[in-house]
Amino acid sequence: MENSMKVEDCHTEGVTSCRKSHHPERVKNNLTSRLNRIEGQIRGIKGMIDKDVYCDDVITQLSATQSALNSVAKILLEGHLKGCVVDRLSVGDEEVLDELVVTIQKLLKK
């Protein structure tokens, strides 16, 4: 891809490698903090399994971790809607709506 290609060109040519999110630093920090906690929860679950902890207790921790992941997804989806989707629609790129439907379908499969 040429360096002179604009973001709008990437969308209209179907190229996704040049697309980037533009989250405010406070949102990035929030997401990173949440993901670090989730990473710790996963390590804890692995430890529980290694120690043969009662299955119901492990499942409870898995449920809490899934809930935390869902919270991260909600924050990202909100930012995507208010930022990326609005920006792309403002330049006439309605393909973003089809992508959004697929993204929401992926989230609802959980």
C-alpha atoms as a PDB file:
ATOM      1  CA  MET A   1       0.000   0.000   0.000  1.00  0.00           C
ATOM      2  CA  GLU A   2       1.314   3.441  -0.840  1.00  0.00           C
ATOM      3  CA  ASN A   3       2.162   5.870   1.927  1.00  0.00           C
ATOM      4  CA  SER A   4       0.024   8.500   0.221  1.00  0.00           C
ATOM      5  CA  MET A   5      -3.163   6.447   0.671  1.00  0.00           C
ATOM      6  CA  LYS A   6      -5.761   8.149   2.885  1.00  0.00           C
ATOM      7  CA  VAL A   7      -7.911   6.410   5.468  1.00  0.00           C
ATOM      8  CA  GLU A   8     -10.940   6.955   3.222  1.00  0.00           C
ATOM      9  CA  ASP A   9      -9.074   5.141   0.413  1.00  0.00           C
ATOM     10  CA  CYS A  10      -8.498   2.189   2.718  1.00  0.00           C
ATOM     11  CA  HIS A  11     -12.230   1.893   3.381  1.00  0.00           C
ATOM     12  CA  THR A  12     -13.315   2.209  -0.215  1.00  0.00           C
ATOM     13  CA  GLU A  13     -10.679  -0.235  -1.432  1.00  0.00           C
ATOM     14  CA  GLY A  14     -11.569  -2.819   1.215  1.00  0.00           C
ATOM     15  CA  VAL A  15      -8.165  -2.612   2.876  1.00  0.00           C
ATOM     16  CA  THR A  16      -8.392  -3.046   6.640  1.00  0.00           C
ATOM     17  CA  SER A  17      -4.725  -3.032   7.599  1.00  0.00           C
ATOM     18  CA  CYS A  18      -4.511   0.761   7.730  1.00  0.00           C
ATOM     19  CA  ARG A  19      -7.560   1.267   9.927  1.00  0.00           C
ATOM     20  CA  LYS A  20      -6.836   2.330  13.482  1.00  0.00           C
ATOM     21  CA  SER A  21      -8.827   3.315  16.515  1.00  0.00           C
ATOM     22  CA  HIS A  22      -8.256   6.662  18.124  1.00  0.00           C
ATOM     23  CA  HIS A  23      -9.135   6.183  21.782  1.00  0.00           C
ATOM     24  CA  PRO A  24      -8.388   8.953  24.260  1.00  0.00           C
ATOM     25  CA  GLU A  25      -5.502   8.132  26.589  1.00  0.00           C
ATOM     26  CA  ARG A  26      -7.832   7.770  29.599  1.00  0.00           C
ATOM     27  CA  VAL A  27      -9.885   5.139  27.715  1.00  0.00           C
ATOM     28  CA  LYS A  28      -6.730   3.246  26.718  1.00  0.00           C
ATOM     29  CA  ASN A  29      -5.566   3.305  30.332  1.00  0.00           C
ATOM     30  CA  ASN A  30      -8.972   2.082  31.521  1.00  0.00           C
ATOM     31  CA  LEU A  31      -9.002  -0.759  28.985  1.00  0.00           C
ATOM     32  CA  THR A  32      -5.416  -1.728  29.773  1.00  0.00           C
ATOM     33  CA  SER A  33      -6.169  -1.779  33.505  1.00  0.00           C
ATOM     34  CA  ARG A  34      -9.237  -3.944  32.967  1.00  0.00           C
ATOM     35  CA  LEU A  35      -7.338  -6.337  30.693  1.00  0.00           C
ATOM     36  CA  ASN A  36      -4.513  -6.610  33.211  1.00  0.00           C
ATOM     37  CA  ARG A  37      -7.050  -7.609  35.880  1.00  0.00           C
ATOM     38  CA  ILE A  38      -8.585 -10.140  33.486  1.00  0.00           C
ATOM     39  CA  GLU A  39      -5.131 -11.536  32.774  1.00  0.00           C
ATOM     40  CA  GLY A  40      -4.663 -11.980  36.528  1.00  0.00           C
ATOM     41  CA  GLN A  41      -8.052 -13.678  36.793  1.00  0.00           C
ATOM     42  CA  ILE A  42      -7.051 -16.127  34.047  1.00  0.00           C
ATOM     43  CA  ARG A  43      -3.779 -16.932  35.833  1.00  0.00           C
ATOM     44  CA  GLY A  44      -5.803 -17.466  39.014  1.00  0.00           C
ATOM     45  CA  ILE A  45      -8.174 -19.845  37.235  1.00  0.00           C
ATOM     46  CA  LYS A  46      -5.227 -21.816  35.854  1.00  0.00           C
ATOM     47  CA  GLY A  47      -3.877 -22.064  39.394  1.00  0.00           C
ATOM     48  CA  MET A  48      -7.256 -23.244  40.659  1.00  0.00           C
ATOM     49  CA  ILE A  49      -7.293 -26.005  38.081  1.00  0.00           C
ATOM     50  CA  ASP A  50      -3.730 -27.026  38.975  1.00  0.00           C
ATOM     51  CA  LYS A  51      -4.792 -27.220  42.650  1.00  0.00           C
ATOM     52  CA  ASP A  52      -7.917 -29.265  41.841  1.00  0.00           C
ATOM     53  CA  VAL A  53     -10.231 -26.585  43.254  1.00  0.00           C
ATOM     54  CA  TYR A  54     -13.912 -27.560  43.329  1.00  0.00           C
ATOM     55  CA  CYS A  55     -15.418 -27.209  39.827  1.00  0.00           C
ATOM     56  CA  ASP A  56     -18.220 -24.888  40.883  1.00  0.00           C
ATOM     57  CA  ASP A  57     -15.694 -22.429  42.311  1.00  0.00           C
ATOM     58  CA  VAL A  58     -13.711 -22.459  39.057  1.00  0.00           C
ATOM     59  CA  ILE A  59     -16.896 -21.921  37.054  1.00  0.00           C
ATOM     60  CA  THR A  60     -17.783 -18.957  39.268  1.00  0.00           C
ATOM     61  CA  GLN A  61     -14.397 -17.391  38.495  1.00  0.00           C
ATOM     62  CA  LEU A  62     -14.835 -18.106  34.783  1.00  0.00           C
ATOM     63  CA  SER A  63     -18.200 -16.347  34.889  1.00  0.00           C
ATOM     64  CA  ALA A  64     -16.666 -13.301  36.578  1.00  0.00           C
ATOM     65  CA  THR A  65     -13.895 -13.210  33.972  1.00  0.00           C
ATOM     66  CA  GLN A  66     -16.399 -13.451  31.128  1.00  0.00           C
ATOM     67  CA  SER A  67     -18.359 -10.574  32.649  1.00  0.00           C
ATOM     68  CA  ALA A  68     -15.171  -8.499  32.819  1.00  0.00           C
ATOM     69  CA  LEU A  69     -14.426  -9.274  29.156  1.00  0.00           C
ATOM     70  CA  ASN A  70     -17.971  -8.253  28.235  1.00  0.00           C
ATOM     71  CA  SER A  71     -17.408  -4.925  29.975  1.00  0.00           C
ATOM     72  CA  VAL A  72     -14.290  -4.327  27.881  1.00  0.00           C
ATOM     73  CA  ALA A  73     -16.251  -5.199  24.739  1.00  0.00           C
ATOM     74  CA  LYS A  74     -19.008  -2.728  25.679  1.00  0.00           C
ATOM     75  CA  ILE A  75     -16.504   0.085  26.152  1.00  0.00           C
ATOM     76  CA  LEU A  76     -14.883  -0.695  22.804  1.00  0.00           C
ATOM     77  CA  LEU A  77     -18.241  -0.950  21.046  1.00  0.00           C
ATOM     78  CA  GLU A  78     -19.346   2.410  22.422  1.00  0.00           C
ATOM     79  CA  GLY A  79     -16.125   4.035  21.227  1.00  0.00           C
ATOM     80  CA  HIS A  80     -16.463   2.333  17.860  1.00  0.00           C
ATOM     81  CA  LEU A  81     -20.008   3.619  17.402  1.00  0.00           C
ATOM     82  CA  LYS A  82     -19.271   7.173  18.531  1.00  0.00           C
ATOM     83  CA  GLY A  83     -15.965   7.417  16.709  1.00  0.00           C
ATOM     84  CA  CYS A  84     -15.176   5.059  13.851  1.00  0.00           C
ATOM     85  CA  VAL A  85     -18.735   4.437  12.660  1.00  0.00           C
ATOM     86  CA  VAL A  86     -19.751   8.111  12.804  1.00  0.00           C
ATOM     87  CA  ASP A  87     -16.536   9.139  11.015  1.00  0.00           C
ATOM     88  CA  ARG A  88     -16.973   6.608   8.243  1.00  0.00           C
ATOM     89  CA  LEU A  89     -20.629   7.466   7.758  1.00  0.00           C
ATOM     90  CA  SER A  90     -19.738  11.160   7.541  1.00  0.00           C
ATOM     91  CA  VAL A  91     -17.578  10.436   4.472  1.00  0.00           C
ATOM     92  CA  GLY A  92     -20.355   8.347   2.899  1.00  0.00           C
ATOM     93  CA  ASP A  93     -18.912   4.923   3.761  1.00  0.00           C
ATOM     94  CA  GLU A  94     -22.053   2.925   4.513  1.00  0.00           C
ATOM     95  CA  GLU A  95     -20.156  -0.382   4.394  1.00  0.00           C
ATOM     96  CA  VAL A  96     -19.374   0.286   8.050  1.00  0.00           C
ATOM     97  CA  LEU A  97     -22.995  -0.577   8.878  1.00  0.00           C
ATOM     98  CA  ASP A  98     -22.588  -4.102   7.486  1.00  0.00           C
ATOM     99  CA  GLU A  99     -19.376  -4.482   9.482  1.00  0.00           C
ATOM    100  CA  LEU A 100     -21.157  -3.241  12.589  1.00  0.00           C
ATOM    101  CA  VAL A 101     -23.916  -5.836  12.192  1.00  0.00           C
ATOM    102  CA  VAL A 102     -21.297  -8.606  11.958  1.00  0.00           C
ATOM    103  CA  THR A 103     -19.472  -7.237  15.005  1.00  0.00           C
ATOM    104  CA  ILE A 104     -22.669  -7.145  17.071  1.00  0.00           C
ATOM    105  CA  GLN A 105     -23.541 -10.673  15.957  1.00  0.00           C
ATOM    106  CA  LYS A 106     -20.124 -11.838  17.188  1.00  0.00           C
ATOM    107  CA  LEU A 107     -20.720 -10.201  20.571  1.00  0.00           C
ATOM    108  CA  LEU A 108     -24.177 -11.750  20.898  1.00  0.00           C
ATOM    109  CA  LYS A 109     -22.852 -15.286  20.311  1.00  0.00           C
ATOM    110  CA  LYS A 110     -21.307 -15.262  23.774  1.00  0.00           C
END
